[in-house]
């Protein structure tokens, strides 16, 4: 497996870096994060129309670029560096992945071209309100909303929590379970327009202001049979795969953010003078920065290895034996990158000294993202426990 970028992948990464550093400045992030949507719709349209980043993993027959998870992670790394406020993660890393893995051909034809042209945003909701109370469950055990058959289709009831961009997404892909089922059994996925009768959405204030979460209430939501993705009651395995893919994507963002807080810290230390010389010359601070860089490099290796595995998992012609390693690779990447970003963000606050925790400096925004993204999809301890279970099987 070759871990070097191709010329095309390097071009995508460089383009993303140049564009995002220009449009997602500190001022732009702070303005977007306090807005009603949580992002700038005009910037989102520029991303969709000028760069087509939202179309990276969409097959060409649906209007996309037909690229893979390595290219996607290269873009996400740069988005993590600048804390881009956008519906990208919910739409691409959750919504598109769900449609590609679980959607019928009709779902793909209906929704993927609309996402590609920038007229549709999407997200996935599966966690119920009990997820956080049980130590942060993010697997099939977190599904508490229910579905049942009706004469014309299906009826959904229940509540979803921690839904990324759930207050603004146009399409909700909802995981629900058959009453009386548990664990991986009885789960089904449904593609539901957000304006469907019986759906109530509410933005939930959270620690990380740069990424919105919402609660979605399902009150006797009536769906046609065509809303079902896959086979009723057999969606548990698909949901687990979607969570693994989301872990890889989130880890790429975390890795980019971890590198950025290190770069910010080094730049500050080179400017800050104490005892007649820049504090970057102090050996103890050099050691701290070296530890941060080491963690970034290991994180980068874990992310792009997991990205290669993820591509094999979603490619119908991919290596099935290699694709079977997705859960382990995703957990390794998410667990290590969660720890890395939290360590680097905390260290950055210390390296910035007294101004590190002030509102005027951006370090606190990365620290909040570090904690929120650490918990989302399971923290490092949860990922290591998952890996241990896989090794024992």
Protein backbone atom coordinates (compact mmCIF):
# COMPACT_ATOMS: atom_id res chain seq x y z
CA UNK A 1 0.00 0.00 0.00
CA UNK A 2 1.53 3.33 -1.12
CA UNK A 3 0.99 6.16 1.37
CA UNK A 4 2.33 8.90 -0.89
CA UNK A 5 -0.16 11.27 -2.48
CA UNK A 6 -0.56 11.11 -6.23
CA UNK A 7 -0.18 14.37 -8.15
CA UNK A 8 -3.98 14.64 -8.33
CA UNK A 9 -4.38 14.09 -4.59
CA UNK A 10 -1.68 16.64 -3.82
CA UNK A 11 -3.42 19.14 -6.09
CA UNK A 12 -6.73 18.57 -4.29
CA UNK A 13 -5.05 19.05 -0.91
CA UNK A 14 -3.24 22.22 -2.00
CA UNK A 15 -6.38 23.68 -3.54
CA UNK A 16 -8.35 22.99 -0.38
CA UNK A 17 -5.63 24.51 1.78
CA UNK A 18 -5.37 27.72 -0.26
CA UNK A 19 -9.12 28.20 -0.59
CA UNK A 20 -10.04 27.43 3.02
CA UNK A 21 -7.31 29.56 4.56
CA UNK A 22 -8.69 32.46 2.53
CA UNK A 23 -12.42 32.04 3.24
CA UNK A 24 -12.41 30.49 6.72
CA UNK A 25 -10.41 33.07 8.62
CA UNK A 26 -10.80 33.59 12.35
CA UNK A 27 -13.24 36.44 11.72
CA UNK A 28 -15.30 34.34 9.28
CA UNK A 29 -15.50 31.42 11.70
CA UNK A 30 -16.57 33.63 14.58
CA UNK A 31 -19.25 35.27 12.45
CA UNK A 32 -20.62 31.97 11.14
CA UNK A 33 -20.68 30.16 14.47
CA UNK A 34 -23.08 32.67 16.05
CA UNK A 35 -25.47 32.77 13.08
CA UNK A 36 -28.82 30.98 13.02
CA UNK A 37 -27.68 28.28 10.61
CA UNK A 38 -24.20 27.97 12.05
CA UNK A 39 -22.59 28.47 8.64
CA UNK A 40 -22.50 30.91 5.72
CA UNK A 41 -24.84 29.70 2.92
CA UNK A 42 -22.93 31.73 0.33
CA UNK A 43 -19.64 30.08 1.28
CA UNK A 44 -21.30 26.67 1.14
CA UNK A 45 -22.47 27.38 -2.40
CA UNK A 46 -18.98 28.48 -3.37
CA UNK A 47 -17.62 25.18 -2.07
CA UNK A 48 -20.28 23.31 -4.05
CA UNK A 49 -20.10 25.29 -7.29
CA UNK A 50 -16.43 26.29 -7.55
CA UNK A 51 -14.62 23.36 -5.94
CA UNK A 52 -17.18 20.54 -5.86
CA UNK A 53 -15.73 19.12 -2.66
CA UNK A 54 -19.16 17.76 -1.71
CA UNK A 55 -19.02 15.57 -4.83
CA UNK A 56 -15.67 13.89 -4.12
CA UNK A 57 -17.03 10.45 -3.21
CA UNK A 58 -20.15 10.57 -5.42
CA UNK A 59 -19.85 8.24 -8.46
CA UNK A 60 -19.67 9.89 -11.84
CA UNK A 61 -23.02 8.47 -12.98
CA UNK A 62 -24.70 10.69 -10.37
CA UNK A 63 -22.73 13.79 -11.33
CA UNK A 64 -19.89 13.36 -8.85
CA UNK A 65 -16.11 13.19 -9.10
CA UNK A 66 -15.88 9.45 -8.42
CA UNK A 67 -12.87 9.76 -6.10
CA UNK A 68 -12.19 8.01 -2.81
CA UNK A 69 -11.70 8.42 0.91
CA UNK A 70 -8.05 9.42 0.64
CA UNK A 71 -9.07 12.49 -1.36
CA UNK A 72 -11.93 13.13 1.05
CA UNK A 73 -9.62 12.94 4.07
CA UNK A 74 -7.15 15.28 2.39
CA UNK A 75 -9.91 17.90 2.18
CA UNK A 76 -11.20 17.18 5.69
CA UNK A 77 -7.70 17.65 7.09
CA UNK A 78 -7.68 21.18 5.73
CA UNK A 79 -11.22 21.83 6.95
CA UNK A 80 -10.15 20.75 10.43
CA UNK A 81 -7.21 23.14 10.32
CA UNK A 82 -9.50 26.15 9.86
CA UNK A 83 -12.56 24.90 11.81
CA UNK A 84 -14.71 25.39 8.73
CA UNK A 85 -18.33 26.07 9.66
CA UNK A 86 -20.37 24.23 7.03
CA UNK A 87 -22.79 21.32 6.53
CA UNK A 88 -19.99 19.34 4.90
CA UNK A 89 -19.53 16.68 7.56
CA UNK A 90 -23.25 15.94 7.91
CA UNK A 91 -23.94 16.02 4.18
CA UNK A 92 -20.88 14.21 2.83
CA UNK A 93 -19.41 12.11 5.64
CA UNK A 94 -22.80 10.99 6.96
CA UNK A 95 -25.46 11.61 4.30
CA UNK A 96 -23.63 10.64 1.10
CA UNK A 97 -21.98 7.66 2.78
CA UNK A 98 -25.41 6.42 3.87
CA UNK A 99 -26.87 6.77 0.40
CA UNK A 100 -23.94 4.97 -1.20
CA UNK A 101 -23.84 2.11 1.28
CA UNK A 102 -27.53 1.65 2.11
CA UNK A 103 -29.59 3.54 -0.46
CA UNK A 104 -31.52 1.96 -3.30
CA UNK A 105 -30.86 3.02 -6.86
CA UNK A 106 -33.95 5.24 -6.63
CA UNK A 107 -32.55 6.97 -3.53
CA UNK A 108 -29.24 7.58 -5.25
CA UNK A 109 -30.89 8.95 -8.38
CA UNK A 110 -33.15 11.19 -6.33
CA UNK A 111 -30.74 12.63 -3.78
CA UNK A 112 -27.12 12.41 -4.95
CA UNK A 113 -27.45 14.78 -7.96
CA UNK A 114 -29.21 17.30 -5.71
CA UNK A 115 -26.34 17.17 -3.21
CA UNK A 116 -23.84 17.53 -6.02
CA UNK A 117 -25.50 20.68 -7.39
CA UNK A 118 -25.63 22.21 -3.92
CA UNK A 119 -29.41 22.30 -3.58
CA UNK A 120 -29.65 19.63 -0.87
CA UNK A 121 -27.95 19.04 2.47
CA UNK A 122 -28.29 15.87 4.50
CA UNK A 123 -27.39 14.22 7.77
CA UNK A 124 -27.89 10.99 9.72
CA UNK A 125 -29.57 10.54 13.09
CA UNK A 126 -29.48 7.35 15.13
CA UNK A 127 -28.68 8.16 18.75
CA UNK A 128 -31.47 8.52 21.26
CA UNK A 129 -31.46 10.69 24.40
CA UNK A 130 -30.21 7.76 26.49
CA UNK A 131 -26.90 7.52 24.58
CA UNK A 132 -25.01 10.05 26.72
CA UNK A 133 -26.43 8.69 29.96
CA UNK A 134 -25.01 5.25 29.20
CA UNK A 135 -21.44 6.43 28.86
CA UNK A 136 -21.74 7.72 25.32
CA UNK A 137 -23.04 4.84 23.22
CA UNK A 138 -22.63 5.39 19.48
CA UNK A 139 -23.36 1.90 18.16
CA UNK A 140 -26.63 0.11 17.46
CA UNK A 141 -27.46 0.13 21.17
CA UNK A 142 -27.95 3.89 20.91
CA UNK A 143 -30.93 3.48 18.54
CA UNK A 144 -34.18 4.05 20.41
CA UNK A 145 -36.57 5.53 17.82
CA UNK A 146 -39.05 2.92 16.55
CA UNK A 147 -40.59 1.95 13.24
CA UNK A 148 -43.61 -0.15 12.47
CA UNK A 149 -45.35 -1.13 9.28
CA UNK A 150 -48.54 0.54 8.14
CA UNK A 151 -50.90 -0.13 5.26
CA UNK A 152 -49.04 2.36 3.04
CA UNK A 153 -45.50 2.18 4.39
CA UNK A 154 -43.97 2.88 7.79
CA UNK A 155 -44.52 4.95 10.90
CA UNK A 156 -41.67 6.42 12.97
CA UNK A 157 -41.79 7.56 16.59
CA UNK A 158 -39.20 8.63 19.12
CA UNK A 159 -36.46 11.18 19.64
CA UNK A 160 -33.02 11.62 18.13
CA UNK A 161 -30.23 13.53 19.82
CA UNK A 162 -26.77 14.80 18.83
CA UNK A 163 -27.78 15.00 15.14
CA UNK A 164 -25.08 16.95 13.29
CA UNK A 165 -26.76 19.89 11.47
CA UNK A 166 -30.09 18.26 12.22
CA UNK A 167 -31.77 21.66 12.61
CA UNK A 168 -30.94 22.74 9.05
CA UNK A 169 -30.43 19.64 6.86
CA UNK A 170 -32.91 19.10 4.04
CA UNK A 171 -32.72 15.30 4.19
CA UNK A 172 -32.69 13.22 7.36
CA UNK A 173 -31.51 9.63 7.17
CA UNK A 174 -32.98 8.07 10.28
CA UNK A 175 -32.14 4.79 11.97
CA UNK A 176 -34.99 3.26 13.96
CA UNK A 177 -35.67 -0.14 15.44
CA UNK A 178 -38.60 -2.52 15.49
CA UNK A 179 -40.41 -2.44 18.85
CA UNK A 180 -39.10 -5.16 21.13
CA UNK A 181 -35.77 -5.56 19.32
CA UNK A 182 -32.35 -4.83 20.78
CA UNK A 183 -28.74 -4.48 19.75
CA UNK A 184 -28.02 -4.97 16.07
CA UNK A 185 -31.37 -6.65 15.46
CA UNK A 186 -34.49 -4.95 14.09
CA UNK A 187 -32.85 -1.77 12.79
CA UNK A 188 -33.97 -0.07 9.58
CA UNK A 189 -32.78 3.09 7.80
CA UNK A 190 -35.15 5.59 6.22
CA UNK A 191 -34.54 8.56 3.91
CA UNK A 192 -36.88 11.27 5.18
CA UNK A 193 -37.29 14.83 3.85
CA UNK A 194 -36.92 17.17 6.80
CA UNK A 195 -40.24 18.90 6.11
CA UNK A 196 -42.22 15.66 6.54
CA UNK A 197 -45.23 16.06 8.82
CA UNK A 198 -44.58 14.99 12.41
CA UNK A 199 -40.90 16.02 12.50
CA UNK A 200 -39.87 18.69 14.97
CA UNK A 201 -36.27 19.92 15.08
CA UNK A 202 -34.48 21.99 17.69
CA UNK A 203 -30.93 23.26 17.78
CA UNK A 204 -29.06 22.14 20.90
CA UNK A 205 -26.47 24.57 22.34
CA UNK A 206 -23.18 22.71 22.77
CA UNK A 207 -19.58 23.30 23.77
CA UNK A 208 -18.34 23.46 20.17
CA UNK A 209 -19.97 26.48 18.56
CA UNK A 210 -18.36 25.71 15.20
CA UNK A 211 -20.43 22.55 14.69
CA UNK A 212 -24.17 22.45 15.36
CA UNK A 213 -26.13 19.56 16.84
CA UNK A 214 -29.88 19.18 17.10
CA UNK A 215 -32.66 17.16 18.66
CA UNK A 216 -35.22 15.67 16.27
CA UNK A 217 -38.63 14.62 17.55
CA UNK A 218 -40.56 12.00 15.55
CA UNK A 219 -44.28 12.17 16.26
CA UNK A 220 -46.22 9.56 14.26
CA UNK A 221 -44.21 10.26 11.11
CA UNK A 222 -45.89 8.55 8.16
CA UNK A 223 -43.54 7.40 5.40
CA UNK A 224 -44.13 5.68 2.07
CA UNK A 225 -42.59 2.28 1.48
CA UNK A 226 -40.05 3.94 -0.85
CA UNK A 227 -38.42 5.71 2.12
CA UNK A 228 -36.93 2.43 3.37
CA UNK A 229 -33.23 1.99 2.65
CA UNK A 230 -32.33 -1.66 2.28
CA UNK A 231 -34.33 -4.34 4.06
CA UNK A 232 -36.49 -3.62 7.10
CA UNK A 233 -34.90 -4.93 10.27
CA UNK A 234 -31.57 -5.73 8.61
CA UNK A 235 -29.92 -2.33 8.80
CA UNK A 236 -27.78 -2.88 11.88
CA UNK A 237 -24.67 -4.02 10.05
CA UNK A 238 -24.99 -1.15 7.58
CA UNK A 239 -25.32 1.36 10.41
CA UNK A 240 -22.14 0.06 12.01
CA UNK A 241 -20.31 0.49 8.72
CA UNK A 242 -21.58 4.06 8.40
CA UNK A 243 -20.34 4.83 11.91
CA UNK A 244 -16.91 3.41 11.00
CA UNK A 245 -16.75 5.61 7.90
CA UNK A 246 -17.75 8.64 9.96
CA UNK A 247 -14.97 7.87 12.46
CA UNK A 248 -12.39 7.96 9.67
CA UNK A 249 -13.71 11.30 8.43
CA UNK A 250 -13.81 12.84 11.90
CA UNK A 251 -10.29 11.60 12.65
CA UNK A 252 -9.05 13.41 9.53
CA UNK A 253 -10.55 16.66 10.82
CA UNK A 254 -9.03 16.09 14.25
CA UNK A 255 -5.63 15.45 12.76
CA UNK A 256 -5.77 18.69 10.77
CA UNK A 257 -6.85 20.67 13.83
CA UNK A 258 -4.06 19.12 15.92
CA UNK A 259 -1.48 20.22 13.36
CA UNK A 260 -2.96 23.71 13.25
CA UNK A 261 -2.79 24.32 17.01
CA UNK A 262 0.84 23.20 16.93
CA UNK A 263 1.61 25.62 14.09
CA UNK A 264 -0.20 28.40 15.92
CA UNK A 265 1.79 27.69 19.08
CA UNK A 266 5.15 27.64 17.31
CA UNK A 267 4.35 30.94 15.58
CA UNK A 268 3.38 32.51 18.89
CA UNK A 269 6.51 31.21 20.66
CA UNK A 270 8.70 32.70 17.96
CA UNK A 271 7.11 36.11 18.54
CA UNK A 272 6.83 36.08 22.34
CA UNK A 273 10.00 37.34 23.99
CA UNK A 274 10.91 36.56 27.59
CA UNK A 275 14.25 37.16 29.35
CA UNK A 276 15.52 38.80 26.19
CA UNK A 277 14.88 35.97 23.75
CA UNK A 278 11.95 34.23 22.00
CA UNK A 279 10.40 31.57 24.19
CA UNK A 280 10.68 29.17 21.25
CA UNK A 281 14.35 28.87 22.20
CA UNK A 282 13.53 27.40 25.63
CA UNK A 283 14.37 23.71 25.70
CA UNK A 284 11.33 22.66 27.76
CA UNK A 285 8.98 24.30 25.27
CA UNK A 286 10.84 22.70 22.37
CA UNK A 287 10.25 19.32 23.98
CA UNK A 288 6.52 20.05 24.33
CA UNK A 289 6.28 21.08 20.67
CA UNK A 290 8.21 17.95 19.64
CA UNK A 291 5.74 15.77 21.53
CA UNK A 292 2.88 17.53 19.75
CA UNK A 293 4.49 17.02 16.34
CA UNK A 294 5.11 13.34 17.02
CA UNK A 295 1.44 12.84 17.83
CA UNK A 296 0.46 14.64 14.62
CA UNK A 297 2.66 12.41 12.50
CA UNK A 298 1.32 9.21 14.04
CA UNK A 299 -2.23 10.52 13.64
CA UNK A 300 -1.61 11.27 9.98
CA UNK A 301 -0.43 7.72 9.34
CA UNK A 302 -3.45 6.27 11.15
CA UNK A 303 -5.90 8.46 9.24
CA UNK A 304 -4.64 7.75 5.75
CA UNK A 305 -4.29 4.05 6.42
CA UNK A 306 -7.90 4.01 7.62
CA UNK A 307 -8.89 6.04 4.53
CA UNK A 308 -7.39 3.36 2.28
CA UNK A 309 -9.32 0.68 4.16
CA UNK A 310 -12.53 2.74 3.97
CA UNK A 311 -12.22 2.99 0.21
CA UNK A 312 -11.94 -0.77 -0.11
CA UNK A 313 -15.04 -1.13 2.08
CA UNK A 314 -17.28 1.07 -0.06
CA UNK A 315 -15.91 -0.08 -3.43
CA UNK A 316 -17.96 -3.03 -4.78
CA UNK A 317 -14.81 -4.24 -6.51
CA UNK A 318 -12.60 -3.66 -3.47
CA UNK A 319 -10.57 -6.17 -1.51
CA UNK A 320 -13.10 -7.84 0.80
CA UNK A 321 -10.42 -9.18 3.13
CA UNK A 322 -8.87 -5.74 3.51
CA UNK A 323 -12.28 -4.10 3.89
CA UNK A 324 -13.01 -6.36 6.86
CA UNK A 325 -10.38 -4.39 8.79
CA UNK A 326 -12.43 -1.17 8.60
CA UNK A 327 -13.81 -1.31 12.15
CA UNK A 328 -10.36 -1.80 13.64
CA UNK A 329 -8.67 0.82 11.44
CA UNK A 330 -11.42 3.36 12.06
CA UNK A 331 -11.29 2.83 15.82
CA UNK A 332 -7.49 3.18 15.82
CA UNK A 333 -7.65 6.44 13.87
CA UNK A 334 -10.51 7.94 15.87
CA UNK A 335 -9.08 6.92 19.22
CA UNK A 336 -5.57 8.18 18.57
CA UNK A 337 -6.67 11.39 16.86
CA UNK A 338 -9.11 12.18 19.67
CA UNK A 339 -6.31 11.90 22.21
CA UNK A 340 -3.91 13.83 19.98
CA UNK A 341 -6.17 16.81 19.39
CA UNK A 342 -7.08 17.09 23.06
CA UNK A 343 -3.40 16.86 24.07
CA UNK A 344 -2.28 19.37 21.44
CA UNK A 345 -5.08 21.83 22.17
CA UNK A 346 -4.41 21.67 25.90
CA UNK A 347 -0.68 22.06 25.32
CA UNK A 348 -1.32 25.01 23.01
CA UNK A 349 -3.18 26.82 25.77
CA UNK A 350 -0.15 26.33 28.05
CA UNK A 351 2.33 27.41 25.37
CA UNK A 352 0.32 30.58 24.78
CA UNK A 353 0.62 31.41 28.46
CA UNK A 354 -1.82 33.89 30.00
CA UNK A 355 -3.52 34.72 26.70
CA UNK A 356 -4.15 31.06 25.84
CA UNK A 357 -7.58 30.94 27.41
CA UNK A 358 -8.78 34.40 26.35
CA UNK A 359 -11.58 34.96 23.85
CA UNK A 360 -9.36 37.04 21.57
CA UNK A 361 -7.14 34.10 20.70
CA UNK A 362 -8.49 31.15 18.71
CA UNK A 363 -6.90 28.43 20.82
CA UNK A 364 -10.06 28.06 22.91
CA UNK A 365 -12.10 27.29 19.78
CA UNK A 366 -9.81 24.35 19.00
CA UNK A 367 -9.91 23.19 22.61
CA UNK A 368 -13.72 23.12 22.50
CA UNK A 369 -13.66 21.27 19.17
CA UNK A 370 -11.17 18.84 20.71
CA UNK A 371 -13.47 17.92 23.57
CA UNK A 372 -16.66 17.79 21.49
CA UNK A 373 -15.12 15.68 18.72
CA UNK A 374 -13.45 13.42 21.28
CA UNK A 375 -16.85 12.47 22.71
CA UNK A 376 -18.71 12.27 19.39
CA UNK A 377 -18.64 8.67 18.08
CA UNK A 378 -16.79 7.56 21.21
CA UNK A 379 -13.62 8.76 22.94
CA UNK A 380 -10.22 7.12 22.90
CA UNK A 381 -11.03 4.72 25.73
CA UNK A 382 -14.18 3.56 23.94
CA UNK A 383 -12.21 2.95 20.73
CA UNK A 384 -9.52 0.98 22.53
CA UNK A 385 -12.16 -1.12 24.26
CA UNK A 386 -13.69 -1.84 20.85
CA UNK A 387 -10.31 -2.90 19.46
CA UNK A 388 -9.70 -5.14 22.46
CA UNK A 389 -13.02 -6.84 21.84
CA UNK A 390 -12.10 -7.43 18.20
CA UNK A 391 -8.79 -8.98 19.17
CA UNK A 392 -10.51 -11.36 21.58
CA UNK A 393 -13.03 -12.55 19.00
